[in-house]
C-alpha atoms as a PDB file:
ATOM      1  CA  MET A   1     -19.796   0.705   2.050  1.00  0.00           C
ATOM      2  CA  ALA A   2     -17.213  -0.431   4.664  1.00  0.00           C
ATOM      3  CA  GLY A   3     -19.159  -2.764   7.122  1.00  0.00           C
ATOM      4  CA  ASP A   4     -21.291  -4.414   4.264  1.00  0.00           C
ATOM      5  CA  ALA A   5     -19.157  -7.779   4.665  1.00  0.00           C
ATOM      6  CA  ALA A   6     -21.646  -9.404   6.731  1.00  0.00           C
ATOM      7  CA  GLY A   7     -24.224  -8.272   4.038  1.00  0.00           C
ATOM      8  CA  GLY A   8     -23.380 -10.257   0.831  1.00  0.00           C
ATOM      9  CA  VAL A   9     -20.282  -8.896  -0.015  1.00  0.00           C
ATOM     10  CA  THR A  10     -17.211 -11.435  -0.421  1.00  0.00           C
ATOM     11  CA  PRO A  11     -13.939 -11.076   1.543  1.00  0.00           C
ATOM     12  CA  SER A  12     -12.025 -10.123  -1.727  1.00  0.00           C
ATOM     13  CA  GLU A  13     -14.963  -7.429  -2.442  1.00  0.00           C
ATOM     14  CA  TYR A  14     -14.445  -5.999   1.312  1.00  0.00           C
ATOM     15  CA  ILE A  15     -10.809  -5.820   1.078  1.00  0.00           C
ATOM     16  CA  LYS A  16     -10.971  -4.506  -2.313  1.00  0.00           C
ATOM     17  CA  HIS A  17     -13.312  -1.568  -1.171  1.00  0.00           C
ATOM     18  CA  HIS A  18     -11.370  -0.675   1.824  1.00  0.00           C
ATOM     19  CA  LEU A  19      -8.225  -0.270  -0.420  1.00  0.00           C
ATOM     20  CA  THR A  20     -10.145   2.196  -2.597  1.00  0.00           C
ATOM     21  CA  ASN A  21      -9.524   5.919  -2.354  1.00  0.00           C
ATOM     22  CA  LEU A  22     -12.132   8.550  -2.891  1.00  0.00           C
ATOM     23  CA  THR A  23     -11.119  10.320  -6.088  1.00  0.00           C
ATOM     24  CA  SER A  24     -11.940  13.523  -7.948  1.00  0.00           C
ATOM     25  CA  ALA A  25     -12.931  11.697 -10.905  1.00  0.00           C
ATOM     26  CA  GLY A  26     -15.792   9.874  -8.823  1.00  0.00           C
ATOM     27  CA  GLU A  27     -14.398   6.340  -9.385  1.00  0.00           C
ATOM     28  CA  ALA A  28     -11.341   4.123  -8.637  1.00  0.00           C
ATOM     29  CA  GLN A  29      -8.398   4.904 -10.301  1.00  0.00           C
ATOM     30  CA  LYS A  30      -8.012   2.662 -13.767  1.00  0.00           C
ATOM     31  CA  THR A  31      -4.408   3.356 -14.469  1.00  0.00           C
ATOM     32  CA  ILE A  32      -1.155   2.912 -12.025  1.00  0.00           C
ATOM     33  CA  VAL A  33      -0.470   6.939 -12.627  1.00  0.00           C
ATOM     34  CA  ASP A  34      -2.986   9.269 -13.549  1.00  0.00           C
ATOM     35  CA  PHE A  35      -2.495  12.686 -12.998  1.00  0.00           C
ATOM     36  CA  SER A  36      -5.827  13.882 -13.671  1.00  0.00           C
ATOM     37  CA  VAL A  37      -7.194  11.938 -10.583  1.00  0.00           C
ATOM     38  CA  PHE A  38      -7.047  13.275  -7.105  1.00  0.00           C
ATOM     39  CA  ASN A  39      -7.404  11.132  -4.109  1.00  0.00           C
ATOM     40  CA  VAL A  40      -9.629  13.415  -2.310  1.00  0.00           C
ATOM     41  CA  ASP A  41      -9.661  11.610   0.942  1.00  0.00           C
ATOM     42  CA  THR A  42      -5.648  11.609   1.295  1.00  0.00           C
ATOM     43  CA  LEU A  43      -5.516  15.372   0.511  1.00  0.00           C
ATOM     44  CA  ILE A  44      -8.523  15.683   3.319  1.00  0.00           C
ATOM     45  CA  TRP A  45      -7.027  13.521   6.249  1.00  0.00           C
ATOM     46  CA  SER A  46      -3.438  14.594   5.581  1.00  0.00           C
ATOM     47  CA  GLY A  47      -4.174  18.429   5.955  1.00  0.00           C
ATOM     48  CA  LEU A  48      -6.685  17.609   9.155  1.00  0.00           C
ATOM     49  CA  VAL A  49      -3.851  15.773  11.204  1.00  0.00           C
ATOM     50  CA  GLY A  50      -1.253  18.219   9.770  1.00  0.00           C
ATOM     51  CA  LEU A  51      -3.650  21.049  11.396  1.00  0.00           C
ATOM     52  CA  LEU A  52      -4.111  19.002  14.155  1.00  0.00           C
ATOM     53  CA  GLY A  53      -0.417  18.140  14.936  1.00  0.00           C
ATOM     54  CA  LEU A  54       0.077  22.252  14.697  1.00  0.00           C
ATOM     55  CA  LEU A  55      -2.952  22.565  17.188  1.00  0.00           C
ATOM     56  CA  PHE A  56      -1.175  20.116  19.247  1.00  0.00           C
ATOM     57  CA  LEU A  57       2.045  22.019  19.646  1.00  0.00           C
ATOM     58  CA  TRP A  58       0.515  25.315  19.823  1.00  0.00           C
ATOM     59  CA  LEU A  59      -1.396  24.453  23.072  1.00  0.00           C
ATOM     60  CA  VAL A  60       1.808  22.826  24.385  1.00  0.00           C
ATOM     61  CA  ALA A  61       3.589  26.255  23.663  1.00  0.00           C
ATOM     62  CA  ARG A  62       0.774  28.081  25.237  1.00  0.00           C
ATOM     63  CA  LYS A  63       1.256  26.434  28.599  1.00  0.00           C
ATOM     64  CA  VAL A  64       5.019  26.237  28.615  1.00  0.00           C
ATOM     65  CA  THR A  65       6.452  27.400  31.917  1.00  0.00           C
ATOM     66  CA  SER A  66       9.925  27.856  33.471  1.00  0.00           C
ATOM     67  CA  SER A  67       8.798  26.263  36.742  1.00  0.00           C
ATOM     68  CA  VAL A  68       7.676  22.731  37.077  1.00  0.00           C
ATOM     69  CA  PRO A  69       6.833  21.638  33.567  1.00  0.00           C
ATOM     70  CA  SER A  70       3.831  19.216  32.551  1.00  0.00           C
ATOM     71  CA  ARG A  71       4.160  15.844  31.527  1.00  0.00           C
ATOM     72  CA  THR A  72       3.358  16.754  27.991  1.00  0.00           C
ATOM     73  CA  GLN A  73       5.518  19.860  27.978  1.00  0.00           C
ATOM     74  CA  ALA A  74       8.554  17.817  29.310  1.00  0.00           C
ATOM     75  CA  ALA A  75       7.740  14.924  26.603  1.00  0.00           C
ATOM     76  CA  VAL A  76       7.676  17.856  23.733  1.00  0.00           C
ATOM     77  CA  GLU A  77      10.746  19.396  25.036  1.00  0.00           C
ATOM     78  CA  ALA A  78      12.798  16.206  25.243  1.00  0.00           C
ATOM     79  CA  LEU A  79      11.612  15.281  21.678  1.00  0.00           C
ATOM     80  CA  ILE A  80      12.593  18.646  20.252  1.00  0.00           C
ATOM     81  CA  GLU A  81      15.977  18.368  21.909  1.00  0.00           C
ATOM     82  CA  TRP A  82      16.331  14.892  20.757  1.00  0.00           C
ATOM     83  CA  VAL A  83      15.664  16.058  16.997  1.00  0.00           C
ATOM     84  CA  ASP A  84      17.907  18.927  17.423  1.00  0.00           C
ATOM     85  CA  GLU A  85      20.617  16.717  18.498  1.00  0.00           C
ATOM     86  CA  GLN A  86      20.137  14.377  15.459  1.00  0.00           C
ATOM     87  CA  ALA A  87      20.141  17.149  13.247  1.00  0.00           C
ATOM     88  CA  LYS A  88      23.617  18.805  14.337  1.00  0.00           C
ATOM     89  CA  SER A  89      24.788  15.166  14.214  1.00  0.00           C
ATOM     90  CA  ILE A  90      23.848  14.548  10.801  1.00  0.00           C
ATOM     91  CA  VAL A  91      23.475  18.078   8.704  1.00  0.00           C
ATOM     92  CA  HIS A  92      26.807  20.122   8.906  1.00  0.00           C
ATOM     93  CA  GLY A  93      25.210  23.572   8.220  1.00  0.00           C
ATOM     94  CA  ASN A  94      22.840  26.026   9.173  1.00  0.00           C
ATOM     95  CA  LEU A  95      19.852  24.244  10.836  1.00  0.00           C
ATOM     96  CA  THR A  96      17.492  27.557  11.210  1.00  0.00           C
ATOM     97  CA  PHE A  97      15.004  25.554   8.947  1.00  0.00           C
ATOM     98  CA  ILE A  98      16.202  21.801   8.527  1.00  0.00           C
ATOM     99  CA  ALA A  99      15.855  20.849  12.367  1.00  0.00           C
ATOM    100  CA  PRO A 100      12.027  22.270  12.531  1.00  0.00           C
ATOM    101  CA  LEU A 101      11.720  20.778   9.225  1.00  0.00           C
ATOM    102  CA  ALA A 102      12.449  17.337  10.641  1.00  0.00           C
ATOM    103  CA  LEU A 103      10.260  18.028  13.804  1.00  0.00           C
ATOM    104  CA  THR A 104       7.512  18.480  11.556  1.00  0.00           C
ATOM    105  CA  VAL A 105       8.044  15.439   9.297  1.00  0.00           C
ATOM    106  CA  PHE A 106       8.176  13.546  12.354  1.00  0.00           C
ATOM    107  CA  PHE A 107       4.958  14.767  13.931  1.00  0.00           C
ATOM    108  CA  TRP A 108       3.188  14.671  10.636  1.00  0.00           C
ATOM    109  CA  VAL A 109       4.020  11.192   9.634  1.00  0.00           C
ATOM    110  CA  ALA A 110       3.077   9.949  13.119  1.00  0.00           C
ATOM    111  CA  PHE A 111       0.043  11.496  13.276  1.00  0.00           C
ATOM    112  CA  MET A 112      -0.987  10.326   9.853  1.00  0.00           C
ATOM    113  CA  ASN A 113       0.111   6.885  10.597  1.00  0.00           C
ATOM    114  CA  ALA A 114      -1.864   6.945  13.711  1.00  0.00           C
ATOM    115  CA  LEU A 115      -4.853   6.889  11.608  1.00  0.00           C
ATOM    116  CA  ASP A 116      -4.384   3.268  10.918  1.00  0.00           C
ATOM    117  CA  LEU A 117      -5.420   2.600  14.592  1.00  0.00           C
ATOM    118  CA  VAL A 118      -9.084   4.010  13.982  1.00  0.00           C
ATOM    119  CA  PRO A 119     -11.369   0.965  13.493  1.00  0.00           C
ATOM    120  CA  ILE A 120     -11.703   0.040   9.732  1.00  0.00           C
ATOM    121  CA  ASP A 121     -15.414   0.095   9.624  1.00  0.00           C
ATOM    122  CA  LEU A 122     -15.945   3.372  11.659  1.00  0.00           C
ATOM    123  CA  PRO A 123     -15.488   5.755   8.775  1.00  0.00           C
ATOM    124  CA  ALA A 124     -18.427   4.153   7.153  1.00  0.00           C
ATOM    125  CA  LYS A 125     -20.733   4.156  10.017  1.00  0.00           C
ATOM    126  CA  VAL A 126     -20.017   7.841  10.409  1.00  0.00           C
ATOM    127  CA  LEU A 127     -21.000   8.689   6.696  1.00  0.00           C
ATOM    128  CA  GLU A 128     -24.168   6.464   7.372  1.00  0.00           C
ATOM    129  CA  TRP A 129     -25.006   8.452  10.538  1.00  0.00           C
ATOM    130  CA  THR A 130     -24.266  11.523   8.647  1.00  0.00           C
ATOM    131  CA  GLY A 131     -26.346  10.239   5.752  1.00  0.00           C
ATOM    132  CA  LEU A 132     -23.408  10.861   3.299  1.00  0.00           C
ATOM    133  CA  SER A 133     -22.641   7.052   2.429  1.00  0.00           C
ATOM    134  CA  HIS A 134     -24.927   7.633  -0.830  1.00  0.00           C
ATOM    135  CA  SER A 135     -22.697  10.167  -2.206  1.00  0.00           C
ATOM    136  CA  VAL A 136     -19.123   8.763  -0.715  1.00  0.00           C
ATOM    137  CA  HIS A 137     -18.931   5.440  -1.746  1.00  0.00           C
ATOM    138  CA  TYR A 138     -15.309   5.094  -1.019  1.00  0.00           C
ATOM    139  CA  THR A 139     -12.896   6.519   1.547  1.00  0.00           C
ATOM    140  CA  ARG A 140      -9.523   5.589   3.118  1.00  0.00           C
ATOM    141  CA  ILE A 141      -8.467   7.752   6.251  1.00  0.00           C
ATOM    142  CA  VAL A 142      -4.578   6.887   6.265  1.00  0.00           C
ATOM    143  CA  PRO A 143      -2.546   8.799   3.757  1.00  0.00           C
ATOM    144  CA  THR A 144       0.447   7.187   4.236  1.00  0.00           C
ATOM    145  CA  ALA A 145      -1.106   3.722   2.847  1.00  0.00           C
ATOM    146  CA  ASP A 146      -1.745   5.676  -0.452  1.00  0.00           C
ATOM    147  CA  VAL A 147       1.307   5.469  -2.175  1.00  0.00           C
ATOM    148  CA  ASN A 148       0.728   9.156  -3.768  1.00  0.00           C
ATOM    149  CA  ALA A 149       1.202  10.886  -0.251  1.00  0.00           C
ATOM    150  CA  PRO A 150       4.565   8.808   0.850  1.00  0.00           C
ATOM    151  CA  LEU A 151       5.895   9.953  -2.731  1.00  0.00           C
ATOM    152  CA  GLY A 152       4.711  13.283  -2.527  1.00  0.00           C
ATOM    153  CA  MET A 153       6.776  14.062   0.601  1.00  0.00           C
ATOM    154  CA  SER A 154       9.845  11.899  -0.623  1.00  0.00           C
ATOM    155  CA  LEU A 155       9.557  14.540  -3.789  1.00  0.00           C
ATOM    156  CA  GLY A 156       9.782  17.293  -1.343  1.00  0.00           C
ATOM    157  CA  VAL A 157      12.900  16.004   0.194  1.00  0.00           C
ATOM    158  CA  LEU A 158      14.461  15.287  -3.269  1.00  0.00           C
ATOM    159  CA  ILE A 159      13.676  19.047  -4.196  1.00  0.00           C
ATOM    160  CA  LEU A 160      15.438  20.141  -0.894  1.00  0.00           C
ATOM    161  CA  MET A 161      18.463  17.925  -1.796  1.00  0.00           C
ATOM    162  CA  PHE A 162      18.687  19.517  -4.965  1.00  0.00           C
ATOM    163  CA  TYR A 163      17.966  23.121  -3.502  1.00  0.00           C
ATOM    164  CA  TYR A 164      20.691  22.557  -0.658  1.00  0.00           C
ATOM    165  CA  GLY A 165      23.187  21.180  -3.168  1.00  0.00           C
ATOM    166  CA  LEU A 166      23.176  23.845  -5.390  1.00  0.00           C
ATOM    167  CA  LYS A 167      23.157  26.459  -2.276  1.00  0.00           C
ATOM    168  CA  ILE A 168      26.238  24.884  -0.692  1.00  0.00           C
ATOM    169  CA  LYS A 169      28.454  23.813  -3.472  1.00  0.00           C
ATOM    170  CA  GLY A 170      27.236  26.667  -6.151  1.00  0.00           C
ATOM    171  CA  LEU A 171      26.089  25.796  -9.518  1.00  0.00           C
ATOM    172  CA  GLY A 172      29.358  24.646 -10.786  1.00  0.00           C
ATOM    173  CA  GLY A 173      30.294  22.868  -7.842  1.00  0.00           C
ATOM    174  CA  PHE A 174      26.980  20.904  -7.878  1.00  0.00           C
ATOM    175  CA  PHE A 175      27.388  19.874 -11.553  1.00  0.00           C
ATOM    176  CA  HIS A 176      31.129  19.153 -11.341  1.00  0.00           C
ATOM    177  CA  GLU A 177      30.133  16.627  -8.518  1.00  0.00           C
ATOM    178  CA  LEU A 178      27.387  15.060 -10.664  1.00  0.00           C
ATOM    179  CA  PHE A 179      29.885  14.603 -13.602  1.00  0.00           C
ATOM    180  CA  THR A 180      32.840  13.639 -11.494  1.00  0.00           C
ATOM    181  CA  ALA A 181      31.530  11.374  -8.412  1.00  0.00           C
ATOM    182  CA  PRO A 182      32.267   8.687  -7.653  1.00  0.00           C
ATOM    183  CA  PHE A 183      35.007   7.724 -10.441  1.00  0.00           C
ATOM    184  CA  GLY A 184      37.098  10.985 -10.689  1.00  0.00           C
ATOM    185  CA  SER A 185      37.080  13.705 -13.608  1.00  0.00           C
ATOM    186  CA  ASN A 186      38.414  11.509 -16.574  1.00  0.00           C
ATOM    187  CA  VAL A 187      36.316  12.444 -19.591  1.00  0.00           C
ATOM    188  CA  LEU A 188      35.465   9.002 -20.457  1.00  0.00           C
ATOM    189  CA  LEU A 189      34.205   8.369 -16.892  1.00  0.00           C
ATOM    190  CA  MET A 190      31.892  11.266 -16.732  1.00  0.00           C
ATOM    191  CA  PRO A 191      28.601   9.861 -18.560  1.00  0.00           C
ATOM    192  CA  PHE A 192      28.965   6.741 -16.251  1.00  0.00           C
ATOM    193  CA  ASN A 193      29.215   9.223 -13.307  1.00  0.00           C
ATOM    194  CA  PHE A 194      26.146  11.211 -14.430  1.00  0.00           C
ATOM    195  CA  ILE A 195      23.955   8.430 -14.834  1.00  0.00           C
ATOM    196  CA  LEU A 196      25.276   6.680 -11.320  1.00  0.00           C
ATOM    197  CA  ASN A 197      24.492   9.889  -9.679  1.00  0.00           C
ATOM    198  CA  LEU A 198      20.877  10.191 -11.346  1.00  0.00           C
ATOM    199  CA  ILE A 199      19.962   6.570 -10.531  1.00  0.00           C
ATOM    200  CA  GLU A 200      21.197   7.423  -7.017  1.00  0.00           C
ATOM    201  CA  TYR A 201      18.848  10.562  -6.424  1.00  0.00           C
ATOM    202  CA  LEU A 202      16.113   8.531  -8.022  1.00  0.00           C
ATOM    203  CA  ALA A 203      16.649   5.380  -5.791  1.00  0.00           C
ATOM    204  CA  LYS A 204      16.594   7.589  -2.480  1.00  0.00           C
ATOM    205  CA  PHE A 205      13.452   9.466  -3.764  1.00  0.00           C
ATOM    206  CA  VAL A 206      11.596   6.030  -4.610  1.00  0.00           C
ATOM    207  CA  SER A 207      12.887   4.186  -1.568  1.00  0.00           C
ATOM    208  CA  LEU A 208      12.097   7.032   0.823  1.00  0.00           C
ATOM    209  CA  GLY A 209       8.186   7.045  -0.257  1.00  0.00           C
ATOM    210  CA  MET A 210       7.727   3.468  -0.854  1.00  0.00           C
ATOM    211  CA  ARG A 211       9.193   2.310   2.152  1.00  0.00           C
ATOM    212  CA  LEU A 212       6.806   4.330   4.549  1.00  0.00           C
ATOM    213  CA  PHE A 213       3.949   3.275   2.108  1.00  0.00           C
ATOM    214  CA  GLY A 214       4.711  -0.349   2.242  1.00  0.00           C
ATOM    215  CA  ASN A 215       4.763  -0.612   5.768  1.00  0.00           C
ATOM    216  CA  MET A 216       1.669   1.297   6.125  1.00  0.00           C
ATOM    217  CA  PHE A 217      -0.412  -0.553   3.300  1.00  0.00           C
ATOM    218  CA  ALA A 218       0.549  -3.836   4.808  1.00  0.00           C
ATOM    219  CA  GLY A 219      -0.728  -2.708   8.399  1.00  0.00           C
ATOM    220  CA  GLU A 220      -3.768  -1.444   6.776  1.00  0.00           C
ATOM    221  CA  LEU A 221      -4.329  -4.914   4.678  1.00  0.00           C
ATOM    222  CA  VAL A 222      -3.637  -6.972   7.982  1.00  0.00           C
ATOM    223  CA  PHE A 223      -6.493  -4.755   9.818  1.00  0.00           C
ATOM    224  CA  ALA A 224      -8.894  -5.541   7.103  1.00  0.00           C
ATOM    225  CA  LEU A 225      -8.102  -9.147   7.159  1.00  0.00           C
ATOM    226  CA  ILE A 226      -8.556  -9.192  10.911  1.00  0.00           C
ATOM    227  CA  ALA A 227     -11.973  -7.366  10.514  1.00  0.00           C
ATOM    228  CA  LEU A 228     -13.199 -10.344   8.246  1.00  0.00           C
ATOM    229  CA  MET A 229     -12.953 -12.466  11.061  1.00  0.00           C
ATOM    230  CA  GLY A 230     -15.482 -10.425  13.034  1.00  0.00           C
ATOM    231  CA  ALA A 231     -17.678  -9.994  10.040  1.00  0.00           C
ATOM    232  CA  ALA A 232     -18.202 -13.832   9.753  1.00  0.00           C
ATOM    233  CA  TRP A 233     -20.584 -13.921  12.465  1.00  0.00           C
ATOM    234  CA  THR A 234     -23.163 -16.309  11.822  1.00  0.00           C
ATOM    235  CA  GLY A 235     -24.914 -16.828  14.893  1.00  0.00           C
ATOM    236  CA  TRP A 236     -24.332 -18.568  18.182  1.00  0.00           C
ATOM    237  CA  ASN A 237     -22.304 -21.436  17.031  1.00  0.00           C
ATOM    238  CA  PHE A 238     -18.726 -22.422  17.749  1.00  0.00           C
ATOM    239  CA  THR A 239     -17.031 -21.282  14.368  1.00  0.00           C
ATOM    240  CA  SER A 240     -18.813 -17.734  14.662  1.00  0.00           C
ATOM    241  CA  VAL A 241     -17.512 -17.323  18.640  1.00  0.00           C
ATOM    242  CA  ALA A 242     -14.159 -18.611  17.777  1.00  0.00           C
ATOM    243  CA  LEU A 243     -13.573 -16.430  14.714  1.00  0.00           C
ATOM    244  CA  SER A 244     -14.757 -13.441  16.937  1.00  0.00           C
ATOM    245  CA  PHE A 245     -12.737 -14.126  19.898  1.00  0.00           C
ATOM    246  CA  GLY A 246     -10.165 -14.649  17.275  1.00  0.00           C
ATOM    247  CA  HIS A 247     -10.787 -11.248  15.958  1.00  0.00           C
ATOM    248  CA  LEU A 248     -10.402  -9.364  19.184  1.00  0.00           C
ATOM    249  CA  LEU A 249      -7.267 -11.008  20.301  1.00  0.00           C
ATOM    250  CA  ALA A 250      -5.560 -10.577  17.106  1.00  0.00           C
ATOM    251  CA  GLY A 251      -6.916  -7.054  16.579  1.00  0.00           C
ATOM    252  CA  SER A 252      -5.850  -6.252  19.951  1.00  0.00           C
ATOM    253  CA  ILE A 253      -2.188  -7.768  19.084  1.00  0.00           C
ATOM    254  CA  TRP A 254      -1.924  -6.163  16.167  1.00  0.00           C
ATOM    255  CA  ALA A 255      -3.029  -2.715  17.313  1.00  0.00           C
ATOM    256  CA  ILE A 256      -0.477  -2.804  19.982  1.00  0.00           C
ATOM    257  CA  PHE A 257       2.274  -3.866  17.747  1.00  0.00           C
ATOM    258  CA  HIS A 258       1.356  -1.293  15.319  1.00  0.00           C
ATOM    259  CA  ILE A 259       1.784   1.584  17.563  1.00  0.00           C
ATOM    260  CA  MET A 260       5.505   0.508  17.409  1.00  0.00           C
ATOM    261  CA  VAL A 261       5.448   0.518  13.499  1.00  0.00           C
ATOM    262  CA  ILE A 262       3.594   4.002  13.154  1.00  0.00           C
ATOM    263  CA  LEU A 263       6.446   5.397  15.406  1.00  0.00           C
ATOM    264  CA  LEU A 264       9.392   3.662  14.120  1.00  0.00           C
ATOM    265  CA  GLN A 265       8.198   4.558  10.213  1.00  0.00           C
ATOM    266  CA  ALA A 266       8.214   8.260  11.458  1.00  0.00           C
ATOM    267  CA  PHE A 267      11.437   8.198  13.083  1.00  0.00           C
ATOM    268  CA  ILE A 268      12.809   6.401   9.923  1.00  0.00           C
ATOM    269  CA  PHE A 269      11.442   8.708   7.498  1.00  0.00           C
ATOM    270  CA  MET A 270      12.646  11.964   9.684  1.00  0.00           C
ATOM    271  CA  MET A 271      15.894  10.153   9.912  1.00  0.00           C
ATOM    272  CA  LEU A 272      16.427   9.789   5.955  1.00  0.00           C
ATOM    273  CA  THR A 273      15.263  13.259   5.414  1.00  0.00           C
ATOM    274  CA  LEU A 274      17.934  14.431   7.690  1.00  0.00           C
ATOM    275  CA  VAL A 275      20.666  12.006   6.325  1.00  0.00           C
ATOM    276  CA  TYR A 276      19.776  12.843   2.558  1.00  0.00           C
ATOM    277  CA  ILE A 277      19.771  16.669   3.388  1.00  0.00           C
ATOM    278  CA  GLY A 278      23.128  16.363   5.025  1.00  0.00           C
ATOM    279  CA  GLN A 279      24.509  14.537   2.160  1.00  0.00           C
ATOM    280  CA  ALA A 280      23.684  17.139   0.079  1.00  0.00           C
ATOM    281  CA  HIS A 281      25.854  19.472   2.313  1.00  0.00           C
ATOM    282  CA  ASP A 282      28.742  17.391   1.729  1.00  0.00           C
ATOM    283  CA  LYS A 283      31.390  17.826  -0.888  1.00  0.00           C
ATOM    284  CA  HIS A 284      33.121  15.148  -2.374  1.00  0.00           C
END
């Protein structure tokens, strides 16, 4: 399990272990794409932090007061107003669903990203304390560092783009735009328009998910590399002490910096969701 780096596991094995998900097949996925395998840890942790986010907002809503608000209430209200303003400025249409969606996306992604601040070997220690380490050999608690979660969310955004495109423009208008933008309605250019629009939709879908995944995966990898410095302890000698000090210093600096990354990636994913849905409302 994680935490065995000091117990005879090589650095490459330690990092590989930390980057392996707990799957429904009971072993690491062997191919890049395999729809028969589910990453159980990603499903569990994304669901748990989603419920935690809902619980947090519910607790804040329970204590809402019209008098002097608490700091938490003031912060949440400011965030809600800011998201609403962003939605109004980007999406020109009914925001009854879209503004709450943007807020949900921001909270959910931020909460999932924040799991990267949990010490990388702590989940393994918890499994050892609870006696589950013999049956659960792998676990990754950062859902957004698993490509399946970000791409799953971006697929949801893609479906909403199609939904609002059809709803706002109608079936005829949607397909007319699909074959006539951006080069016009010339029959000879229609195949090129169609191909370009398909590529645009695919690029939005892939880039939205991969941007979030790439940043969070890189952050998780850096945390694993920093953890290796602390796992290199061999006794009270200069090398071990220096590496342990470097581990604490680098870990603290990276954790502080990573707080900004966590919030920034949640903000970017939310804004791009609004931008893409806003584009689906626009007629060309």
